[in-house]
Amino acid sequence: MMNKSFAIIMPAYNAIRTIEKSIESVLSQSYKDWVLYIIEDCSSDSTFSLISKYKSHDNIKILKNEINLGAAGSRNKGIELCSEDIISFIDSDDVWHPDKLQLQFAEISKGNLFLITSYNYVGRESNLVQYDKDILTREDFLKKKFRVCFSSLCYAPIGKKVFFEDVGHEDFIYINEIFNIHDACNVIREPMVSYHVTEGSLSSNKIVAAKWHYKALDKIFKNKINVLYYFVFYVMNAIKFTRSVKKQ
């Protein structure tokens, strides 16, 4: 099968401490047919100055927002501009394994067009987060039976999806939208991403995260019974996930 090109979309905001490792992990990929779109979102630190050293790289496009758009808006800007065969994402504090794209391309060559991988959850310690099945269904995704690392995701677009910009957990809604294109998500069980948790961030605040998730479910379903049904699973599996990480 002929090579397919990956669009890699990276929003960047005040990422001076982490973004260089993220970019270098893309540059180190064994699969070379990709374009990295870095969308700099009006950082107040030296992020733009740091990433500017990559502007001469043929496979890296640096875009600077005129106003702060947030992660969702920045990703939408990258999606709008990209023209590659496959869309993928990496956050500016995450790191890819060198064979991440190569393994995903191998699966795409088999006709598996919606993919995620296992990952290392890196906080004070590193913990392996691994799904025990080869397929993640929409139902199991909605019930949060596996907590997807967004930096592990890629899909072959049959019509591009965009992010909602007015809610938290927009990545959760986005993945649900991809299920409208591809019925099931194939799972690569090897950990291909190191997902870094920033203590004290909004997304690490459990109360804030729960509120965001409830609003995300409300955006998906509208029906309050369905919202409450899946929110109960979210709470149960969040507790289970937290305990499993602490035990490792």
C-alpha atoms as a PDB file:
ATOM      1  CA  MET A   1       0.000   0.000   0.000  1.00  0.00           C
ATOM      2  CA  MET A   2       1.272   3.499  -0.841  1.00  0.00           C
ATOM      3  CA  ASN A   3       2.224   5.705   2.076  1.00  0.00           C
ATOM      4  CA  LYS A   4      -0.466   7.842   3.640  1.00  0.00           C
ATOM      5  CA  SER A   5       0.337  11.264   5.026  1.00  0.00           C
ATOM      6  CA  PHE A   6      -0.534  12.173   8.628  1.00  0.00           C
ATOM      7  CA  ALA A   7      -1.642  15.628   9.705  1.00  0.00           C
ATOM      8  CA  ILE A   8      -0.452  16.086  13.296  1.00  0.00           C
ATOM      9  CA  ILE A   9      -2.253  18.903  15.099  1.00  0.00           C
ATOM     10  CA  MET A  10      -0.681  20.439  18.211  1.00  0.00           C
ATOM     11  CA  PRO A  11      -2.208  23.412  20.055  1.00  0.00           C
ATOM     12  CA  ALA A  12       0.377  25.295  22.097  1.00  0.00           C
ATOM     13  CA  TYR A  13      -0.253  27.648  25.015  1.00  0.00           C
ATOM     14  CA  ASN A  14       2.341  28.516  27.669  1.00  0.00           C
ATOM     15  CA  ALA A  15       4.134  25.254  26.916  1.00  0.00           C
ATOM     16  CA  ILE A  16       7.722  26.444  27.261  1.00  0.00           C
ATOM     17  CA  ARG A  17       8.657  23.642  29.686  1.00  0.00           C
ATOM     18  CA  THR A  18       7.312  20.720  27.670  1.00  0.00           C
ATOM     19  CA  ILE A  19       6.741  21.491  24.004  1.00  0.00           C
ATOM     20  CA  GLU A  20      10.280  20.853  22.799  1.00  0.00           C
ATOM     21  CA  LYS A  21      10.135  17.216  23.930  1.00  0.00           C
ATOM     22  CA  SER A  22       6.751  16.840  22.236  1.00  0.00           C
ATOM     23  CA  ILE A  23       8.048  18.218  18.944  1.00  0.00           C
ATOM     24  CA  GLU A  24      11.221  16.142  19.096  1.00  0.00           C
ATOM     25  CA  SER A  25       9.126  12.990  19.635  1.00  0.00           C
ATOM     26  CA  VAL A  26       7.375  13.763  16.336  1.00  0.00           C
ATOM     27  CA  LEU A  27      10.676  14.406  14.579  1.00  0.00           C
ATOM     28  CA  SER A  28      11.917  11.037  15.873  1.00  0.00           C
ATOM     29  CA  GLN A  29       9.084   9.066  14.268  1.00  0.00           C
ATOM     30  CA  SER A  30      10.213   6.080  12.207  1.00  0.00           C
ATOM     31  CA  TYR A  31       7.357   6.855   9.802  1.00  0.00           C
ATOM     32  CA  LYS A  32       8.292  10.028   7.961  1.00  0.00           C
ATOM     33  CA  ASP A  33       5.253  11.004   5.880  1.00  0.00           C
ATOM     34  CA  TRP A  34       3.639  13.618   8.112  1.00  0.00           C
ATOM     35  CA  VAL A  35       3.068  17.349   8.573  1.00  0.00           C
ATOM     36  CA  LEU A  36       3.026  18.856  12.059  1.00  0.00           C
ATOM     37  CA  TYR A  37       0.731  21.871  12.513  1.00  0.00           C
ATOM     38  CA  ILE A  38       1.639  23.832  15.644  1.00  0.00           C
ATOM     39  CA  ILE A  39      -1.006  26.414  16.513  1.00  0.00           C
ATOM     40  CA  GLU A  40       0.453  28.928  18.961  1.00  0.00           C
ATOM     41  CA  ASP A  41      -2.416  30.359  21.002  1.00  0.00           C
ATOM     42  CA  CYS A  42      -1.185  33.752  22.242  1.00  0.00           C
ATOM     43  CA  SER A  43       1.069  32.419  24.976  1.00  0.00           C
ATOM     44  CA  SER A  44       2.258  34.813  27.680  1.00  0.00           C
ATOM     45  CA  ASP A  45       5.587  32.974  27.996  1.00  0.00           C
ATOM     46  CA  SER A  46       8.309  32.305  25.394  1.00  0.00           C
ATOM     47  CA  THR A  47       6.572  29.396  23.661  1.00  0.00           C
ATOM     48  CA  PHE A  48       6.408  31.140  20.281  1.00  0.00           C
ATOM     49  CA  SER A  49      10.067  32.138  20.429  1.00  0.00           C
ATOM     50  CA  LEU A  50      11.084  28.562  21.241  1.00  0.00           C
ATOM     51  CA  ILE A  51       9.064  26.894  18.491  1.00  0.00           C
ATOM     52  CA  SER A  52      10.172  29.458  15.910  1.00  0.00           C
ATOM     53  CA  LYS A  53      13.459  27.579  15.570  1.00  0.00           C
ATOM     54  CA  TYR A  54      11.483  24.813  13.830  1.00  0.00           C
ATOM     55  CA  LYS A  55       9.936  27.097  11.186  1.00  0.00           C
ATOM     56  CA  SER A  56      12.508  26.111   8.533  1.00  0.00           C
ATOM     57  CA  HIS A  57      11.620  22.409   8.853  1.00  0.00           C
ATOM     58  CA  ASP A  58       9.822  21.251   5.709  1.00  0.00           C
ATOM     59  CA  ASN A  59       7.332  19.129   7.657  1.00  0.00           C
ATOM     60  CA  ILE A  60       6.429  21.668  10.334  1.00  0.00           C
ATOM     61  CA  LYS A  61       3.958  24.528   9.890  1.00  0.00           C
ATOM     62  CA  ILE A  62       3.729  27.097  12.693  1.00  0.00           C
ATOM     63  CA  LEU A  63       0.550  29.162  12.947  1.00  0.00           C
ATOM     64  CA  LYS A  64       0.036  32.009  15.416  1.00  0.00           C
ATOM     65  CA  ASN A  65      -3.464  32.933  16.544  1.00  0.00           C
ATOM     66  CA  GLU A  66      -4.332  36.633  16.611  1.00  0.00           C
ATOM     67  CA  ILE A  67      -6.533  36.046  19.662  1.00  0.00           C
ATOM     68  CA  ASN A  68      -6.615  33.238  22.205  1.00  0.00           C
ATOM     69  CA  LEU A  69      -8.889  30.496  20.835  1.00  0.00           C
ATOM     70  CA  GLY A  70      -8.317  27.762  23.405  1.00  0.00           C
ATOM     71  CA  ALA A  71      -7.371  24.174  22.604  1.00  0.00           C
ATOM     72  CA  ALA A  72     -10.597  23.415  20.718  1.00  0.00           C
ATOM     73  CA  GLY A  73     -10.423  26.519  18.529  1.00  0.00           C
ATOM     74  CA  SER A  74      -6.732  25.984  17.836  1.00  0.00           C
ATOM     75  CA  ARG A  75      -7.319  22.388  16.819  1.00  0.00           C
ATOM     76  CA  ASN A  76     -10.139  23.507  14.536  1.00  0.00           C
ATOM     77  CA  LYS A  77      -7.734  25.909  12.853  1.00  0.00           C
ATOM     78  CA  GLY A  78      -5.330  23.028  12.204  1.00  0.00           C
ATOM     79  CA  ILE A  79      -8.126  20.801  10.905  1.00  0.00           C
ATOM     80  CA  GLU A  80      -9.280  23.543   8.556  1.00  0.00           C
ATOM     81  CA  LEU A  81      -5.814  24.019   7.073  1.00  0.00           C
ATOM     82  CA  CYS A  82      -4.604  20.428   6.799  1.00  0.00           C
ATOM     83  CA  SER A  83      -4.969  18.373   3.628  1.00  0.00           C
ATOM     84  CA  GLU A  84      -3.328  15.080   4.634  1.00  0.00           C
ATOM     85  CA  ASP A  85      -4.952  11.623   4.441  1.00  0.00           C
ATOM     86  CA  ILE A  86      -5.058  10.952   8.192  1.00  0.00           C
ATOM     87  CA  ILE A  87      -5.719  13.304  11.110  1.00  0.00           C
ATOM     88  CA  SER A  88      -3.873  12.827  14.404  1.00  0.00           C
ATOM     89  CA  PHE A  89      -3.265  14.926  17.511  1.00  0.00           C
ATOM     90  CA  ILE A  90      -0.552  15.492  20.070  1.00  0.00           C
ATOM     91  CA  ASP A  91      -0.750  17.820  23.049  1.00  0.00           C
ATOM     92  CA  SER A  92       2.219  20.058  23.776  1.00  0.00           C
ATOM     93  CA  ASP A  93       3.098  18.193  26.978  1.00  0.00           C
ATOM     94  CA  ASP A  94       2.824  14.628  25.639  1.00  0.00           C
ATOM     95  CA  VAL A  95       5.525  12.465  24.056  1.00  0.00           C
ATOM     96  CA  TRP A  96       5.168   9.839  21.319  1.00  0.00           C
ATOM     97  CA  HIS A  97       6.984   6.523  21.083  1.00  0.00           C
ATOM     98  CA  PRO A  98       9.160   6.533  17.903  1.00  0.00           C
ATOM     99  CA  ASP A  99       7.035   3.821  16.236  1.00  0.00           C
ATOM    100  CA  LYS A 100       3.632   5.337  17.003  1.00  0.00           C
ATOM    101  CA  LEU A 101       2.804   6.437  13.457  1.00  0.00           C
ATOM    102  CA  GLN A 102       4.431   3.378  11.901  1.00  0.00           C
ATOM    103  CA  LEU A 103       2.200   1.009  13.876  1.00  0.00           C
ATOM    104  CA  GLN A 104      -0.888   3.066  13.122  1.00  0.00           C
ATOM    105  CA  PHE A 105      -0.056   3.176   9.427  1.00  0.00           C
ATOM    106  CA  ALA A 106       0.256  -0.642   9.455  1.00  0.00           C
ATOM    107  CA  GLU A 107      -3.254  -0.884  10.911  1.00  0.00           C
ATOM    108  CA  ILE A 108      -4.636   1.667   8.457  1.00  0.00           C
ATOM    109  CA  SER A 109      -3.167  -0.433   5.648  1.00  0.00           C
ATOM    110  CA  LYS A 110      -5.408  -3.271   6.887  1.00  0.00           C
ATOM    111  CA  GLY A 111      -8.492  -1.042   6.608  1.00  0.00           C
ATOM    112  CA  ASN A 112      -8.667  -0.041  10.281  1.00  0.00           C
ATOM    113  CA  LEU A 113      -9.270   3.683   9.921  1.00  0.00           C
ATOM    114  CA  PHE A 114      -9.981   4.794  13.500  1.00  0.00           C
ATOM    115  CA  LEU A 115      -7.225   4.015  16.002  1.00  0.00           C
ATOM    116  CA  ILE A 116      -6.054   4.619  19.553  1.00  0.00           C
ATOM    117  CA  THR A 117      -3.211   3.091  21.566  1.00  0.00           C
ATOM    118  CA  SER A 118      -2.423   2.235  25.156  1.00  0.00           C
ATOM    119  CA  TYR A 119      -0.293   4.813  26.948  1.00  0.00           C
ATOM    120  CA  ASN A 120       1.804   5.650  29.984  1.00  0.00           C
ATOM    121  CA  TYR A 121       0.023   7.927  32.449  1.00  0.00           C
ATOM    122  CA  VAL A 122       2.804  10.081  33.865  1.00  0.00           C
ATOM    123  CA  GLY A 123       2.209  11.982  37.082  1.00  0.00           C
ATOM    124  CA  ARG A 124       4.475  11.567  40.059  1.00  0.00           C
ATOM    125  CA  GLU A 125       5.039   8.070  38.697  1.00  0.00           C
ATOM    126  CA  SER A 126       4.474   6.424  35.321  1.00  0.00           C
ATOM    127  CA  ASN A 127       1.572   3.954  35.063  1.00  0.00           C
ATOM    128  CA  LEU A 128       0.589   1.807  32.088  1.00  0.00           C
ATOM    129  CA  VAL A 129      -3.013   2.352  30.939  1.00  0.00           C
ATOM    130  CA  GLN A 130      -3.936  -0.557  28.688  1.00  0.00           C
ATOM    131  CA  TYR A 131      -7.241  -1.729  27.234  1.00  0.00           C
ATOM    132  CA  ASP A 132      -7.892  -5.479  27.338  1.00  0.00           C
ATOM    133  CA  LYS A 133      -9.725  -5.634  23.986  1.00  0.00           C
ATOM    134  CA  ASP A 134      -8.736  -5.001  20.367  1.00  0.00           C
ATOM    135  CA  ILE A 135     -11.888  -2.983  19.641  1.00  0.00           C
ATOM    136  CA  LEU A 136     -13.361  -0.081  21.601  1.00  0.00           C
ATOM    137  CA  THR A 137     -17.081   0.264  20.884  1.00  0.00           C
ATOM    138  CA  ARG A 138     -18.976   3.535  21.167  1.00  0.00           C
ATOM    139  CA  GLU A 139     -20.956   2.098  24.095  1.00  0.00           C
ATOM    140  CA  ASP A 140     -17.821   1.219  26.061  1.00  0.00           C
ATOM    141  CA  PHE A 141     -16.319   4.591  25.177  1.00  0.00           C
ATOM    142  CA  LEU A 142     -19.394   6.451  26.438  1.00  0.00           C
ATOM    143  CA  LYS A 143     -19.301   4.399  29.638  1.00  0.00           C
ATOM    144  CA  LYS A 144     -15.624   5.336  30.047  1.00  0.00           C
ATOM    145  CA  LYS A 145     -14.566   1.707  30.277  1.00  0.00           C
ATOM    146  CA  PHE A 146     -11.292   2.881  28.776  1.00  0.00           C
ATOM    147  CA  ARG A 147      -9.968   6.386  29.281  1.00  0.00           C
ATOM    148  CA  VAL A 148      -8.730   7.367  25.828  1.00  0.00           C
ATOM    149  CA  CYS A 149      -5.513   9.357  25.532  1.00  0.00           C
ATOM    150  CA  PHE A 150      -6.296  11.966  22.879  1.00  0.00           C
ATOM    151  CA  SER A 151      -2.648  12.171  21.816  1.00  0.00           C
ATOM    152  CA  SER A 152      -2.861   8.507  20.789  1.00  0.00           C
ATOM    153  CA  LEU A 153      -5.780   8.973  18.384  1.00  0.00           C
ATOM    154  CA  CYS A 154      -5.787   9.063  14.605  1.00  0.00           C
ATOM    155  CA  TYR A 155      -8.457   8.544  11.953  1.00  0.00           C
ATOM    156  CA  ALA A 156      -8.856   8.668   8.200  1.00  0.00           C
ATOM    157  CA  PRO A 157     -11.358  11.451   7.585  1.00  0.00           C
ATOM    158  CA  ILE A 158     -14.453  10.855   5.528  1.00  0.00           C
ATOM    159  CA  GLY A 159     -15.469  14.448   5.982  1.00  0.00           C
ATOM    160  CA  LYS A 160     -13.584  16.369   8.656  1.00  0.00           C
ATOM    161  CA  LYS A 161     -15.026  16.725  12.140  1.00  0.00           C
ATOM    162  CA  VAL A 162     -14.573  19.927  14.158  1.00  0.00           C
ATOM    163  CA  PHE A 163     -14.498  20.602  17.880  1.00  0.00           C
ATOM    164  CA  PHE A 164     -17.220  22.270  19.881  1.00  0.00           C
ATOM    165  CA  GLU A 165     -15.596  25.347  21.412  1.00  0.00           C
ATOM    166  CA  ASP A 166     -18.074  26.162  24.167  1.00  0.00           C
ATOM    167  CA  VAL A 167     -17.708  23.153  26.495  1.00  0.00           C
ATOM    168  CA  GLY A 168     -15.028  21.349  28.460  1.00  0.00           C
ATOM    169  CA  HIS A 169     -14.120  17.768  27.525  1.00  0.00           C
ATOM    170  CA  GLU A 170     -14.439  18.762  23.890  1.00  0.00           C
ATOM    171  CA  ASP A 171     -12.115  15.878  23.003  1.00  0.00           C
ATOM    172  CA  PHE A 172     -14.686  13.426  24.409  1.00  0.00           C
ATOM    173  CA  ILE A 173     -17.402  14.917  22.195  1.00  0.00           C
ATOM    174  CA  TYR A 174     -15.033  14.877  19.233  1.00  0.00           C
ATOM    175  CA  ILE A 175     -14.291  11.169  19.623  1.00  0.00           C
ATOM    176  CA  ASN A 176     -18.009  10.457  19.835  1.00  0.00           C
ATOM    177  CA  GLU A 177     -18.394  12.329  16.532  1.00  0.00           C
ATOM    178  CA  ILE A 178     -15.749  10.126  14.912  1.00  0.00           C
ATOM    179  CA  PHE A 179     -17.869   7.121  15.872  1.00  0.00           C
ATOM    180  CA  ASN A 180     -20.444   8.571  13.453  1.00  0.00           C
ATOM    181  CA  ILE A 181     -17.895   7.983  10.676  1.00  0.00           C
ATOM    182  CA  HIS A 182     -16.318   4.722  11.853  1.00  0.00           C
ATOM    183  CA  ASP A 183     -18.435   2.267  13.825  1.00  0.00           C
ATOM    184  CA  ALA A 184     -15.642   0.960  16.019  1.00  0.00           C
ATOM    185  CA  CYS A 185     -12.217   2.059  17.182  1.00  0.00           C
ATOM    186  CA  ASN A 186      -9.270  -0.328  16.842  1.00  0.00           C
ATOM    187  CA  VAL A 187      -6.874  -0.466  19.779  1.00  0.00           C
ATOM    188  CA  ILE A 188      -3.112  -0.921  19.583  1.00  0.00           C
ATOM    189  CA  ARG A 189      -2.287  -2.420  22.968  1.00  0.00           C
ATOM    190  CA  GLU A 190       1.341  -1.308  23.048  1.00  0.00           C
ATOM    191  CA  PRO A 191       1.809   2.028  24.873  1.00  0.00           C
ATOM    192  CA  MET A 192       2.713   4.565  22.185  1.00  0.00           C
ATOM    193  CA  VAL A 193       2.291   7.786  24.165  1.00  0.00           C
ATOM    194  CA  SER A 194       3.494   9.216  27.445  1.00  0.00           C
ATOM    195  CA  TYR A 195       0.561  11.290  28.694  1.00  0.00           C
ATOM    196  CA  HIS A 196       1.762  13.873  31.205  1.00  0.00           C
ATOM    197  CA  VAL A 197      -0.582  15.014  33.974  1.00  0.00           C
ATOM    198  CA  THR A 198      -0.092  18.573  35.228  1.00  0.00           C
ATOM    199  CA  GLU A 199      -0.987  18.821  38.897  1.00  0.00           C
ATOM    200  CA  GLY A 200      -3.158  21.808  39.692  1.00  0.00           C
ATOM    201  CA  SER A 201      -4.512  22.203  36.165  1.00  0.00           C
ATOM    202  CA  LEU A 202      -8.247  22.629  35.587  1.00  0.00           C
ATOM    203  CA  SER A 203      -8.477  19.267  33.861  1.00  0.00           C
ATOM    204  CA  SER A 204      -6.903  17.545  36.887  1.00  0.00           C
ATOM    205  CA  ASN A 205      -9.526  19.044  39.235  1.00  0.00           C
ATOM    206  CA  LYS A 206     -12.035  16.238  39.739  1.00  0.00           C
ATOM    207  CA  ILE A 207     -14.999  18.522  40.491  1.00  0.00           C
ATOM    208  CA  VAL A 208     -14.335  20.687  37.438  1.00  0.00           C
ATOM    209  CA  ALA A 209     -13.792  17.583  35.298  1.00  0.00           C
ATOM    210  CA  ALA A 210     -17.096  16.086  36.470  1.00  0.00           C
ATOM    211  CA  LYS A 211     -18.966  19.302  35.606  1.00  0.00           C
ATOM    212  CA  TRP A 212     -17.310  19.394  32.175  1.00  0.00           C
ATOM    213  CA  HIS A 213     -18.205  15.777  31.519  1.00  0.00           C
ATOM    214  CA  TYR A 214     -21.840  16.260  32.500  1.00  0.00           C
ATOM    215  CA  LYS A 215     -22.087  19.199  30.072  1.00  0.00           C
ATOM    216  CA  ALA A 216     -20.367  17.124  27.376  1.00  0.00           C
ATOM    217  CA  LEU A 217     -22.899  14.317  27.822  1.00  0.00           C
ATOM    218  CA  ASP A 218     -25.700  16.887  27.710  1.00  0.00           C
ATOM    219  CA  LYS A 219     -24.291  18.141  24.407  1.00  0.00           C
ATOM    220  CA  ILE A 220     -24.312  14.613  22.990  1.00  0.00           C
ATOM    221  CA  PHE A 221     -27.687  13.337  24.232  1.00  0.00           C
ATOM    222  CA  LYS A 222     -29.979  16.231  25.245  1.00  0.00           C
ATOM    223  CA  ASN A 223     -32.133  13.554  26.945  1.00  0.00           C
ATOM    224  CA  LYS A 224     -31.510  13.889  30.701  1.00  0.00           C
ATOM    225  CA  ILE A 225     -32.104  10.198  31.392  1.00  0.00           C
ATOM    226  CA  ASN A 226     -29.286   9.234  29.006  1.00  0.00           C
ATOM    227  CA  VAL A 227     -27.083  11.976  30.418  1.00  0.00           C
ATOM    228  CA  LEU A 228     -27.527  10.719  33.977  1.00  0.00           C
ATOM    229  CA  TYR A 229     -27.144   7.071  32.892  1.00  0.00           C
ATOM    230  CA  TYR A 230     -23.736   7.647  31.317  1.00  0.00           C
ATOM    231  CA  PHE A 231     -22.665  10.110  33.995  1.00  0.00           C
ATOM    232  CA  VAL A 232     -23.051   7.379  36.619  1.00  0.00           C
ATOM    233  CA  PHE A 233     -20.675   5.191  34.588  1.00  0.00           C
ATOM    234  CA  TYR A 234     -18.279   8.130  34.306  1.00  0.00           C
ATOM    235  CA  VAL A 235     -18.164   8.531  38.087  1.00  0.00           C
ATOM    236  CA  MET A 236     -17.773   4.803  38.771  1.00  0.00           C
ATOM    237  CA  ASN A 237     -15.023   4.328  36.201  1.00  0.00           C
ATOM    238  CA  ALA A 238     -13.254   7.517  37.278  1.00  0.00           C
ATOM    239  CA  ILE A 239     -13.025   6.103  40.819  1.00  0.00           C
ATOM    240  CA  LYS A 240     -11.860   2.768  39.435  1.00  0.00           C
ATOM    241  CA  PHE A 241      -9.224   4.446  37.247  1.00  0.00           C
ATOM    242  CA  THR A 242      -7.893   6.571  40.107  1.00  0.00           C
ATOM    243  CA  ARG A 243      -7.554   3.526  42.359  1.00  0.00           C
ATOM    244  CA  SER A 244      -5.828   1.470  39.665  1.00  0.00           C
ATOM    245  CA  VAL A 245      -3.274   4.210  39.014  1.00  0.00           C
ATOM    246  CA  LYS A 246      -2.504   4.557  42.731  1.00  0.00           C
ATOM    247  CA  LYS A 247      -2.002   0.789  43.090  1.00  0.00           C
ATOM    248  CA  GLN A 248       0.572   0.525  40.276  1.00  0.00           C
END
